Amino acid sequence: MTATSGSASGGEPLLALRGVSKRFGAVRALDRVDFDVHAGEVVGLVGDNGAGKSTLVKVMSGIYLAEEGEYRFEGSERHVGGPSDATALGVATVYQDLALCDNLDVVANLFVGREEVAGGAGGVLRALDEAAMEKQAAELLETLTVRLPSVRQEVGLLSGGQRQSVAIARSLIGEAKVVLLDEPTAALGVAQTAQVLALIKRLREQGLGVVVISHNLANVFDVVDRIFVLRLGRKAGTFAVQDTSHEEIVSAITGAEFGGDGRGNGRGAEEEAAR
């Protein structure tokens, strides 16, 4: 089958990169890459180690600034000079390590850095509004159908799937429109993986754009609308999931369908260090 050039969704993409390139010294980690994700769409970002997946996500999240190309959000070109710029646009990233505080409860983890405060005497003394945060936390988790023993449970005592769900829910506190998920099912069991995949589908139902980086093609095929393949820093194709197969995606990842591109055997290891 032939890779599609467009999106499974119509209209203007929520987030689009056009002709994006990024270097680390002599290594070109991204080479004129076009990428987009629409509202209500899940895009799987796949590729071998060293393909440039992490670099692409870090450009989208504002950690890296591309040397060439455009960063477009909701149809307009934007300057994203750091993670705070991407967050302000509505781009949230959940990295593989989750960055949760195990000794804090679910509410505290959801609102860390965004705590609600209540006015004290004369507006001078300000204390955390625990009741308001707990109410918002419960409502958000209910909207996402995330089942937890209690919003006051310490995160360190939750299962892997529950922890991943808390990390994803935290990304939505700031009115996110696009959520980038880095290996969201890594090291999870079957039941926990199913829980996280169901949550990703609910994000799509709520109209968010979702990008999932994963090495697990079975999970990718289960949850995404399109699969975007990177190979050696270049776009190797975009595939509508209903029109492709595991074999075709593997061929695009490895370059087998093209007989290899001869761009050098040492490149992958060099960029892996840059990631």
C-alpha atoms as a PDB file:
ATOM      1  CA  MET A   1       0.000   0.000   0.000  1.00  0.00           C
ATOM      2  CA  THR A   2       1.023   3.609  -0.463  1.00  0.00           C
ATOM      3  CA  ALA A   3       1.576   5.964   2.427  1.00  0.00           C
ATOM      4  CA  THR A   4      -1.048   8.660   2.635  1.00  0.00           C
ATOM      5  CA  SER A   5      -0.016  12.275   2.340  1.00  0.00           C
ATOM      6  CA  GLY A   6      -2.938  13.755   4.240  1.00  0.00           C
ATOM      7  CA  SER A   7      -4.696  13.274   7.550  1.00  0.00           C
ATOM      8  CA  ALA A   8      -7.523  11.016   8.547  1.00  0.00           C
ATOM      9  CA  SER A   9      -9.203  14.182   9.849  1.00  0.00           C
ATOM     10  CA  GLY A  10     -10.319  17.132   7.758  1.00  0.00           C
ATOM     11  CA  GLY A  11      -9.704  20.821   8.357  1.00  0.00           C
ATOM     12  CA  GLU A  12      -6.709  22.676   9.740  1.00  0.00           C
ATOM     13  CA  PRO A  13      -4.371  20.682  12.024  1.00  0.00           C
ATOM     14  CA  LEU A  14      -4.184  21.680  15.668  1.00  0.00           C
ATOM     15  CA  LEU A  15      -0.397  21.332  15.613  1.00  0.00           C
ATOM     16  CA  ALA A  16       1.735  21.206  12.487  1.00  0.00           C
ATOM     17  CA  LEU A  17       5.464  21.188  11.835  1.00  0.00           C
ATOM     18  CA  ARG A  18       6.545  22.115   8.328  1.00  0.00           C
ATOM     19  CA  GLY A  19      10.022  21.407   6.973  1.00  0.00           C
ATOM     20  CA  VAL A  20      11.544  21.075  10.445  1.00  0.00           C
ATOM     21  CA  SER A  21      15.261  20.291  10.724  1.00  0.00           C
ATOM     22  CA  LYS A  22      17.413  19.879  13.826  1.00  0.00           C
ATOM     23  CA  ARG A  23      21.139  19.220  14.134  1.00  0.00           C
ATOM     24  CA  PHE A  24      23.382  18.072  16.955  1.00  0.00           C
ATOM     25  CA  GLY A  25      26.838  18.970  15.740  1.00  0.00           C
ATOM     26  CA  ALA A  26      27.425  17.039  12.523  1.00  0.00           C
ATOM     27  CA  VAL A  27      24.377  14.838  13.101  1.00  0.00           C
ATOM     28  CA  ARG A  28      21.128  15.879  11.391  1.00  0.00           C
ATOM     29  CA  ALA A  29      18.564  14.447  13.816  1.00  0.00           C
ATOM     30  CA  LEU A  30      15.585  15.771  11.818  1.00  0.00           C
ATOM     31  CA  ASP A  31      15.702  16.470   8.107  1.00  0.00           C
ATOM     32  CA  ARG A  32      12.891  18.669   6.706  1.00  0.00           C
ATOM     33  CA  VAL A  33      10.133  16.801   8.543  1.00  0.00           C
ATOM     34  CA  ASP A  34       6.429  17.607   8.029  1.00  0.00           C
ATOM     35  CA  PHE A  35       4.150  16.415  10.836  1.00  0.00           C
ATOM     36  CA  ASP A  36       0.622  17.252  11.985  1.00  0.00           C
ATOM     37  CA  VAL A  37      -2.120  16.171  14.343  1.00  0.00           C
ATOM     38  CA  HIS A  38      -5.777  17.211  14.234  1.00  0.00           C
ATOM     39  CA  ALA A  39      -8.371  17.673  16.958  1.00  0.00           C
ATOM     40  CA  GLY A  40      -9.993  14.361  17.851  1.00  0.00           C
ATOM     41  CA  GLU A  41      -7.169  12.357  16.288  1.00  0.00           C
ATOM     42  CA  VAL A  42      -4.547   9.976  17.675  1.00  0.00           C
ATOM     43  CA  VAL A  43      -1.312   9.794  15.681  1.00  0.00           C
ATOM     44  CA  GLY A  44       1.225   7.062  16.357  1.00  0.00           C
ATOM     45  CA  LEU A  45       4.852   8.195  16.031  1.00  0.00           C
ATOM     46  CA  VAL A  46       7.042   5.175  15.347  1.00  0.00           C
ATOM     47  CA  GLY A  47      10.571   4.432  14.200  1.00  0.00           C
ATOM     48  CA  ASP A  48      13.670   2.508  15.138  1.00  0.00           C
ATOM     49  CA  ASN A  49      16.059   3.669  17.868  1.00  0.00           C
ATOM     50  CA  GLY A  50      17.821   6.770  16.601  1.00  0.00           C
ATOM     51  CA  ALA A  51      15.083   7.596  14.088  1.00  0.00           C
ATOM     52  CA  GLY A  52      14.473  11.024  15.631  1.00  0.00           C
ATOM     53  CA  LYS A  53      11.218  10.402  17.528  1.00  0.00           C
ATOM     54  CA  SER A  54      12.371  11.937  20.802  1.00  0.00           C
ATOM     55  CA  THR A  55      13.909  14.891  18.983  1.00  0.00           C
ATOM     56  CA  LEU A  56      10.649  15.533  17.121  1.00  0.00           C
ATOM     57  CA  VAL A  57       8.628  15.431  20.330  1.00  0.00           C
ATOM     58  CA  LYS A  58      11.086  17.782  22.037  1.00  0.00           C
ATOM     59  CA  VAL A  59      10.640  20.244  19.178  1.00  0.00           C
ATOM     60  CA  MET A  60       6.856  20.017  19.580  1.00  0.00           C
ATOM     61  CA  SER A  61       7.135  20.458  23.349  1.00  0.00           C
ATOM     62  CA  GLY A  62       9.508  23.420  23.075  1.00  0.00           C
ATOM     63  CA  ILE A  63      12.551  21.771  24.630  1.00  0.00           C
ATOM     64  CA  TYR A  64      14.438  21.973  21.323  1.00  0.00           C
ATOM     65  CA  LEU A  65      14.249  24.867  18.875  1.00  0.00           C
ATOM     66  CA  ALA A  66      14.378  23.753  15.242  1.00  0.00           C
ATOM     67  CA  GLU A  67      16.978  25.420  13.037  1.00  0.00           C
ATOM     68  CA  GLU A  68      14.693  25.315  10.005  1.00  0.00           C
ATOM     69  CA  GLY A  69      10.978  25.061   9.365  1.00  0.00           C
ATOM     70  CA  GLU A  70       7.711  26.305  10.821  1.00  0.00           C
ATOM     71  CA  TYR A  71       5.866  25.550  14.040  1.00  0.00           C
ATOM     72  CA  ARG A  72       2.145  26.098  13.421  1.00  0.00           C
ATOM     73  CA  PHE A  73      -0.690  25.932  15.934  1.00  0.00           C
ATOM     74  CA  GLU A  74      -4.373  26.271  15.045  1.00  0.00           C
ATOM     75  CA  GLY A  75      -3.456  27.472  11.567  1.00  0.00           C
ATOM     76  CA  SER A  76      -0.964  30.198  12.529  1.00  0.00           C
ATOM     77  CA  GLU A  77       2.818  30.170  12.675  1.00  0.00           C
ATOM     78  CA  ARG A  78       4.037  30.494  16.260  1.00  0.00           C
ATOM     79  CA  HIS A  79       7.386  31.105  17.886  1.00  0.00           C
ATOM     80  CA  VAL A  80       8.061  28.456  20.506  1.00  0.00           C
ATOM     81  CA  GLY A  81      11.270  29.279  22.301  1.00  0.00           C
ATOM     82  CA  GLY A  82      10.812  27.010  25.307  1.00  0.00           C
ATOM     83  CA  PRO A  83       8.480  24.567  27.058  1.00  0.00           C
ATOM     84  CA  SER A  84       6.448  27.395  28.622  1.00  0.00           C
ATOM     85  CA  ASP A  85       5.569  28.701  25.143  1.00  0.00           C
ATOM     86  CA  ALA A  86       4.310  25.281  24.065  1.00  0.00           C
ATOM     87  CA  THR A  87       2.363  24.860  27.298  1.00  0.00           C
ATOM     88  CA  ALA A  88       0.763  28.265  26.828  1.00  0.00           C
ATOM     89  CA  LEU A  89      -0.453  27.193  23.388  1.00  0.00           C
ATOM     90  CA  GLY A  90      -2.009  24.045  24.851  1.00  0.00           C
ATOM     91  CA  VAL A  91       0.671  21.432  24.147  1.00  0.00           C
ATOM     92  CA  ALA A  92       1.211  19.037  27.074  1.00  0.00           C
ATOM     93  CA  THR A  93       3.845  16.303  27.246  1.00  0.00           C
ATOM     94  CA  VAL A  94       3.861  13.171  29.398  1.00  0.00           C
ATOM     95  CA  TYR A  95       7.330  11.651  29.387  1.00  0.00           C
ATOM     96  CA  GLN A  96       8.115   8.014  30.042  1.00  0.00           C
ATOM     97  CA  ASP A  97       9.456   8.684  33.549  1.00  0.00           C
ATOM     98  CA  LEU A  98       6.125  10.443  34.408  1.00  0.00           C
ATOM     99  CA  ALA A  99       7.877  12.839  36.866  1.00  0.00           C
ATOM    100  CA  LEU A 100       5.380  12.089  39.631  1.00  0.00           C
ATOM    101  CA  CYS A 101       6.046  12.708  43.337  1.00  0.00           C
ATOM    102  CA  ASP A 102       5.518   9.315  44.948  1.00  0.00           C
ATOM    103  CA  ASN A 103       5.240  10.697  48.477  1.00  0.00           C
ATOM    104  CA  LEU A 104       2.415  13.100  47.539  1.00  0.00           C
ATOM    105  CA  ASP A 105      -1.221  12.214  46.979  1.00  0.00           C
ATOM    106  CA  VAL A 106      -3.072  12.337  43.663  1.00  0.00           C
ATOM    107  CA  VAL A 107      -4.441  15.852  44.217  1.00  0.00           C
ATOM    108  CA  ALA A 108      -1.019  17.270  45.041  1.00  0.00           C
ATOM    109  CA  ASN A 109       0.482  15.635  41.951  1.00  0.00           C
ATOM    110  CA  LEU A 110      -2.251  16.948  39.671  1.00  0.00           C
ATOM    111  CA  PHE A 111      -1.813  20.534  40.866  1.00  0.00           C
ATOM    112  CA  VAL A 112       1.931  20.696  41.512  1.00  0.00           C
ATOM    113  CA  GLY A 113       3.043  24.108  40.271  1.00  0.00           C
ATOM    114  CA  ARG A 114      -0.586  25.139  39.680  1.00  0.00           C
ATOM    115  CA  GLU A 115      -1.920  25.102  43.234  1.00  0.00           C
ATOM    116  CA  GLU A 116      -5.224  26.807  43.948  1.00  0.00           C
ATOM    117  CA  VAL A 117      -4.993  29.365  46.737  1.00  0.00           C
ATOM    118  CA  ALA A 118      -7.625  30.935  48.960  1.00  0.00           C
ATOM    119  CA  GLY A 119      -7.474  34.507  50.238  1.00  0.00           C
ATOM    120  CA  GLY A 120      -6.597  34.983  53.872  1.00  0.00           C
ATOM    121  CA  ALA A 121      -7.061  37.938  56.211  1.00  0.00           C
ATOM    122  CA  GLY A 122      -6.988  41.114  54.162  1.00  0.00           C
ATOM    123  CA  GLY A 123      -5.851  39.091  51.181  1.00  0.00           C
ATOM    124  CA  VAL A 124      -2.337  38.925  52.647  1.00  0.00           C
ATOM    125  CA  LEU A 125      -2.235  35.382  53.969  1.00  0.00           C
ATOM    126  CA  ARG A 126      -2.927  32.842  51.265  1.00  0.00           C
ATOM    127  CA  ALA A 127      -3.349  29.135  51.916  1.00  0.00           C
ATOM    128  CA  LEU A 128      -3.887  26.262  49.533  1.00  0.00           C
ATOM    129  CA  ASP A 129      -7.534  25.721  48.695  1.00  0.00           C
ATOM    130  CA  GLU A 130      -7.488  21.972  49.284  1.00  0.00           C
ATOM    131  CA  ALA A 131     -11.258  21.566  48.933  1.00  0.00           C
ATOM    132  CA  ALA A 132     -11.327  23.244  45.515  1.00  0.00           C
ATOM    133  CA  MET A 133      -8.378  21.200  44.246  1.00  0.00           C
ATOM    134  CA  GLU A 134      -9.874  17.958  45.516  1.00  0.00           C
ATOM    135  CA  LYS A 135     -13.189  18.748  43.821  1.00  0.00           C
ATOM    136  CA  GLN A 136     -11.507  19.577  40.498  1.00  0.00           C
ATOM    137  CA  ALA A 137      -9.334  16.466  40.716  1.00  0.00           C
ATOM    138  CA  ALA A 138     -12.340  14.212  41.310  1.00  0.00           C
ATOM    139  CA  GLU A 139     -14.269  15.819  38.440  1.00  0.00           C
ATOM    140  CA  LEU A 140     -11.357  15.502  36.005  1.00  0.00           C
ATOM    141  CA  LEU A 141     -10.711  11.860  36.849  1.00  0.00           C
ATOM    142  CA  GLU A 142     -14.431  11.098  36.563  1.00  0.00           C
ATOM    143  CA  THR A 143     -14.539  12.759  33.122  1.00  0.00           C
ATOM    144  CA  LEU A 144     -11.654  10.536  32.020  1.00  0.00           C
ATOM    145  CA  THR A 145     -13.220   7.477  33.702  1.00  0.00           C
ATOM    146  CA  VAL A 146     -10.064   6.963  35.749  1.00  0.00           C
ATOM    147  CA  ARG A 147     -10.746   4.696  38.708  1.00  0.00           C
ATOM    148  CA  LEU A 148      -8.581   5.262  41.797  1.00  0.00           C
ATOM    149  CA  PRO A 149      -8.989   4.170  45.436  1.00  0.00           C
ATOM    150  CA  SER A 150      -9.009   7.841  46.484  1.00  0.00           C
ATOM    151  CA  VAL A 151      -7.726  11.178  45.217  1.00  0.00           C
ATOM    152  CA  ARG A 152      -5.901  11.323  48.557  1.00  0.00           C
ATOM    153  CA  GLN A 153      -4.011   8.095  47.875  1.00  0.00           C
ATOM    154  CA  GLU A 154      -0.225   8.458  47.728  1.00  0.00           C
ATOM    155  CA  VAL A 155       0.867   8.075  44.118  1.00  0.00           C
ATOM    156  CA  GLY A 156       3.671   5.715  45.110  1.00  0.00           C
ATOM    157  CA  LEU A 157       1.064   3.150  46.210  1.00  0.00           C
ATOM    158  CA  LEU A 158      -0.789   3.133  42.858  1.00  0.00           C
ATOM    159  CA  SER A 159      -0.370   0.581  40.079  1.00  0.00           C
ATOM    160  CA  GLY A 160       1.604   1.390  36.946  1.00  0.00           C
ATOM    161  CA  GLY A 161      -1.531   1.970  34.915  1.00  0.00           C
ATOM    162  CA  GLN A 162      -3.032   4.223  37.586  1.00  0.00           C
ATOM    163  CA  ARG A 163       0.205   6.240  37.784  1.00  0.00           C
ATOM    164  CA  GLN A 164       0.219   6.698  34.015  1.00  0.00           C
ATOM    165  CA  SER A 165      -3.422   7.815  34.189  1.00  0.00           C
ATOM    166  CA  VAL A 166      -2.575  10.387  36.867  1.00  0.00           C
ATOM    167  CA  ALA A 167       0.294  11.730  34.741  1.00  0.00           C
ATOM    168  CA  ILE A 168      -2.000  12.059  31.716  1.00  0.00           C
ATOM    169  CA  ALA A 169      -4.722  13.708  33.812  1.00  0.00           C
ATOM    170  CA  ARG A 170      -2.170  16.180  35.190  1.00  0.00           C
ATOM    171  CA  SER A 171      -1.332  17.260  31.624  1.00  0.00           C
ATOM    172  CA  LEU A 172      -4.973  18.328  31.167  1.00  0.00           C
ATOM    173  CA  ILE A 173      -5.086  20.668  34.169  1.00  0.00           C
ATOM    174  CA  GLY A 174      -3.743  23.506  32.028  1.00  0.00           C
ATOM    175  CA  GLU A 175      -6.440  23.274  29.317  1.00  0.00           C
ATOM    176  CA  ALA A 176      -4.327  21.181  26.961  1.00  0.00           C
ATOM    177  CA  LYS A 177      -5.410  20.783  23.343  1.00  0.00           C
ATOM    178  CA  VAL A 178      -2.600  18.471  22.219  1.00  0.00           C
ATOM    179  CA  VAL A 179      -1.126  15.725  24.410  1.00  0.00           C
ATOM    180  CA  LEU A 180       2.207  14.080  23.586  1.00  0.00           C
ATOM    181  CA  LEU A 181       2.648  10.657  25.206  1.00  0.00           C
ATOM    182  CA  ASP A 182       6.120   9.102  25.314  1.00  0.00           C
ATOM    183  CA  GLU A 183       5.894   5.286  25.537  1.00  0.00           C
ATOM    184  CA  PRO A 184       2.735   5.389  27.701  1.00  0.00           C
ATOM    185  CA  THR A 185       2.445   1.587  27.992  1.00  0.00           C
ATOM    186  CA  ALA A 186       6.107   0.730  28.539  1.00  0.00           C
ATOM    187  CA  ALA A 187       6.646  -1.811  31.347  1.00  0.00           C
ATOM    188  CA  LEU A 188       2.908  -2.183  32.002  1.00  0.00           C
ATOM    189  CA  GLY A 189       1.054  -5.470  32.292  1.00  0.00           C
ATOM    190  CA  VAL A 190      -1.831  -6.473  30.052  1.00  0.00           C
ATOM    191  CA  ALA A 191      -4.600  -5.079  32.269  1.00  0.00           C
ATOM    192  CA  GLN A 192      -2.735  -1.826  32.972  1.00  0.00           C
ATOM    193  CA  THR A 193      -1.964  -1.377  29.270  1.00  0.00           C
ATOM    194  CA  ALA A 194      -5.647  -1.793  28.426  1.00  0.00           C
ATOM    195  CA  GLN A 195      -6.490   0.867  31.028  1.00  0.00           C
ATOM    196  CA  VAL A 196      -4.081   3.384  29.476  1.00  0.00           C
ATOM    197  CA  LEU A 197      -5.171   2.652  25.892  1.00  0.00           C
ATOM    198  CA  ALA A 198      -8.802   3.179  26.917  1.00  0.00           C
ATOM    199  CA  LEU A 199      -7.815   6.538  28.433  1.00  0.00           C
ATOM    200  CA  ILE A 200      -6.115   7.582  25.175  1.00  0.00           C
ATOM    201  CA  LYS A 201      -9.324   6.790  23.288  1.00  0.00           C
ATOM    202  CA  ARG A 202     -11.270   8.964  25.731  1.00  0.00           C
ATOM    203  CA  LEU A 203      -8.885  11.850  25.073  1.00  0.00           C
ATOM    204  CA  ARG A 204      -9.710  11.520  21.375  1.00  0.00           C
ATOM    205  CA  GLU A 205     -13.447  11.442  22.136  1.00  0.00           C
ATOM    206  CA  GLN A 206     -13.046  14.734  24.003  1.00  0.00           C
ATOM    207  CA  GLY A 207     -11.571  16.375  20.910  1.00  0.00           C
ATOM    208  CA  LEU A 208      -7.917  16.488  21.870  1.00  0.00           C
ATOM    209  CA  GLY A 209      -5.087  15.837  19.452  1.00  0.00           C
ATOM    210  CA  VAL A 210      -2.929  12.994  20.781  1.00  0.00           C
ATOM    211  CA  VAL A 211       0.532  11.861  19.682  1.00  0.00           C
ATOM    212  CA  VAL A 212       1.679   8.463  20.947  1.00  0.00           C
ATOM    213  CA  ILE A 213       5.321   7.393  20.698  1.00  0.00           C
ATOM    214  CA  SER A 214       5.576   3.638  21.014  1.00  0.00           C
ATOM    215  CA  HIS A 215       7.672   0.657  19.986  1.00  0.00           C
ATOM    216  CA  ASN A 216       4.688  -1.629  20.565  1.00  0.00           C
ATOM    217  CA  LEU A 217       2.957  -1.846  17.182  1.00  0.00           C
ATOM    218  CA  ALA A 218       0.094  -3.922  18.586  1.00  0.00           C
ATOM    219  CA  ASN A 219      -0.790  -1.062  20.937  1.00  0.00           C
ATOM    220  CA  VAL A 220      -0.326   1.482  18.159  1.00  0.00           C
ATOM    221  CA  PHE A 221      -2.721  -0.337  15.846  1.00  0.00           C
ATOM    222  CA  ASP A 222      -5.250  -0.657  18.671  1.00  0.00           C
ATOM    223  CA  VAL A 223      -5.523   3.035  19.482  1.00  0.00           C
ATOM    224  CA  VAL A 224      -4.329   5.342  16.673  1.00  0.00           C
ATOM    225  CA  ASP A 225      -5.941   6.760  13.541  1.00  0.00           C
ATOM    226  CA  ARG A 226      -2.728   7.363  11.623  1.00  0.00           C
ATOM    227  CA  ILE A 227       0.821   6.074  11.898  1.00  0.00           C
ATOM    228  CA  PHE A 228       3.697   8.449  11.169  1.00  0.00           C
ATOM    229  CA  VAL A 229       7.002   6.690  10.488  1.00  0.00           C
ATOM    230  CA  LEU A 230      10.391   8.337  10.989  1.00  0.00           C
ATOM    231  CA  ARG A 231      13.538   6.751   9.605  1.00  0.00           C
ATOM    232  CA  LEU A 232      16.990   8.309  10.110  1.00  0.00           C
ATOM    233  CA  GLY A 233      15.468  11.698  10.811  1.00  0.00           C
ATOM    234  CA  ARG A 234      13.266  11.758   7.727  1.00  0.00           C
ATOM    235  CA  LYS A 235       9.566  11.156   7.207  1.00  0.00           C
ATOM    236  CA  ALA A 236       9.224   7.645   5.821  1.00  0.00           C
ATOM    237  CA  GLY A 237       5.453   7.832   5.403  1.00  0.00           C
ATOM    238  CA  THR A 238       2.066   8.457   6.975  1.00  0.00           C
ATOM    239  CA  PHE A 239      -0.368   5.536   6.983  1.00  0.00           C
ATOM    240  CA  ALA A 240      -4.090   5.418   7.748  1.00  0.00           C
ATOM    241  CA  VAL A 241      -4.304   2.568  10.233  1.00  0.00           C
ATOM    242  CA  GLN A 242      -7.299   0.924   8.565  1.00  0.00           C
ATOM    243  CA  ASP A 243      -5.460   0.787   5.235  1.00  0.00           C
ATOM    244  CA  THR A 244      -2.110  -0.590   6.314  1.00  0.00           C
ATOM    245  CA  SER A 245      -0.575  -3.645   8.007  1.00  0.00           C
ATOM    246  CA  HIS A 246       2.099  -4.462  10.564  1.00  0.00           C
ATOM    247  CA  GLU A 247       4.313  -5.686   7.742  1.00  0.00           C
ATOM    248  CA  GLU A 248       4.040  -2.435   5.810  1.00  0.00           C
ATOM    249  CA  ILE A 249       4.867  -0.358   8.895  1.00  0.00           C
ATOM    250  CA  VAL A 250       7.866  -2.550   9.726  1.00  0.00           C
ATOM    251  CA  SER A 251       9.086  -2.163   6.133  1.00  0.00           C
ATOM    252  CA  ALA A 252       8.789   1.622   6.416  1.00  0.00           C
ATOM    253  CA  ILE A 253      10.613   1.618   9.771  1.00  0.00           C
ATOM    254  CA  THR A 254      13.506  -0.490   8.499  1.00  0.00           C
ATOM    255  CA  GLY A 255      13.634   0.828   4.954  1.00  0.00           C
ATOM    256  CA  ALA A 256      13.293  -2.713   3.606  1.00  0.00           C
ATOM    257  CA  GLU A 257      10.803  -1.631   0.963  1.00  0.00           C
ATOM    258  CA  PHE A 258      13.388   0.782  -0.396  1.00  0.00           C
ATOM    259  CA  GLY A 259      16.365  -1.555  -0.104  1.00  0.00           C
ATOM    260  CA  GLY A 260      17.909   0.733   2.513  1.00  0.00           C
ATOM    261  CA  ASP A 261      19.026   4.299   1.888  1.00  0.00           C
ATOM    262  CA  GLY A 262      22.730   3.985   2.556  1.00  0.00           C
ATOM    263  CA  ARG A 263      22.942   6.993   4.844  1.00  0.00           C
ATOM    264  CA  GLY A 264      25.626   5.453   7.059  1.00  0.00           C
ATOM    265  CA  ASN A 265      25.666   2.772   9.734  1.00  0.00           C
ATOM    266  CA  GLY A 266      27.048   4.978  12.498  1.00  0.00           C
ATOM    267  CA  ARG A 267      24.252   7.550  12.406  1.00  0.00           C
ATOM    268  CA  GLY A 268      21.815   5.746  14.713  1.00  0.00           C
ATOM    269  CA  ALA A 269      24.263   5.417  17.588  1.00  0.00           C
ATOM    270  CA  GLU A 270      25.324   9.055  17.267  1.00  0.00           C
ATOM    271  CA  GLU A 271      21.783  10.385  17.405  1.00  0.00           C
ATOM    272  CA  GLU A 272      20.825   7.999  20.193  1.00  0.00           C
ATOM    273  CA  ALA A 273      23.462   9.789  22.281  1.00  0.00           C
ATOM    274  CA  ALA A 274      21.961  13.141  21.213  1.00  0.00           C
ATOM    275  CA  ARG A 275      18.462  12.070  22.284  1.00  0.00           C
END
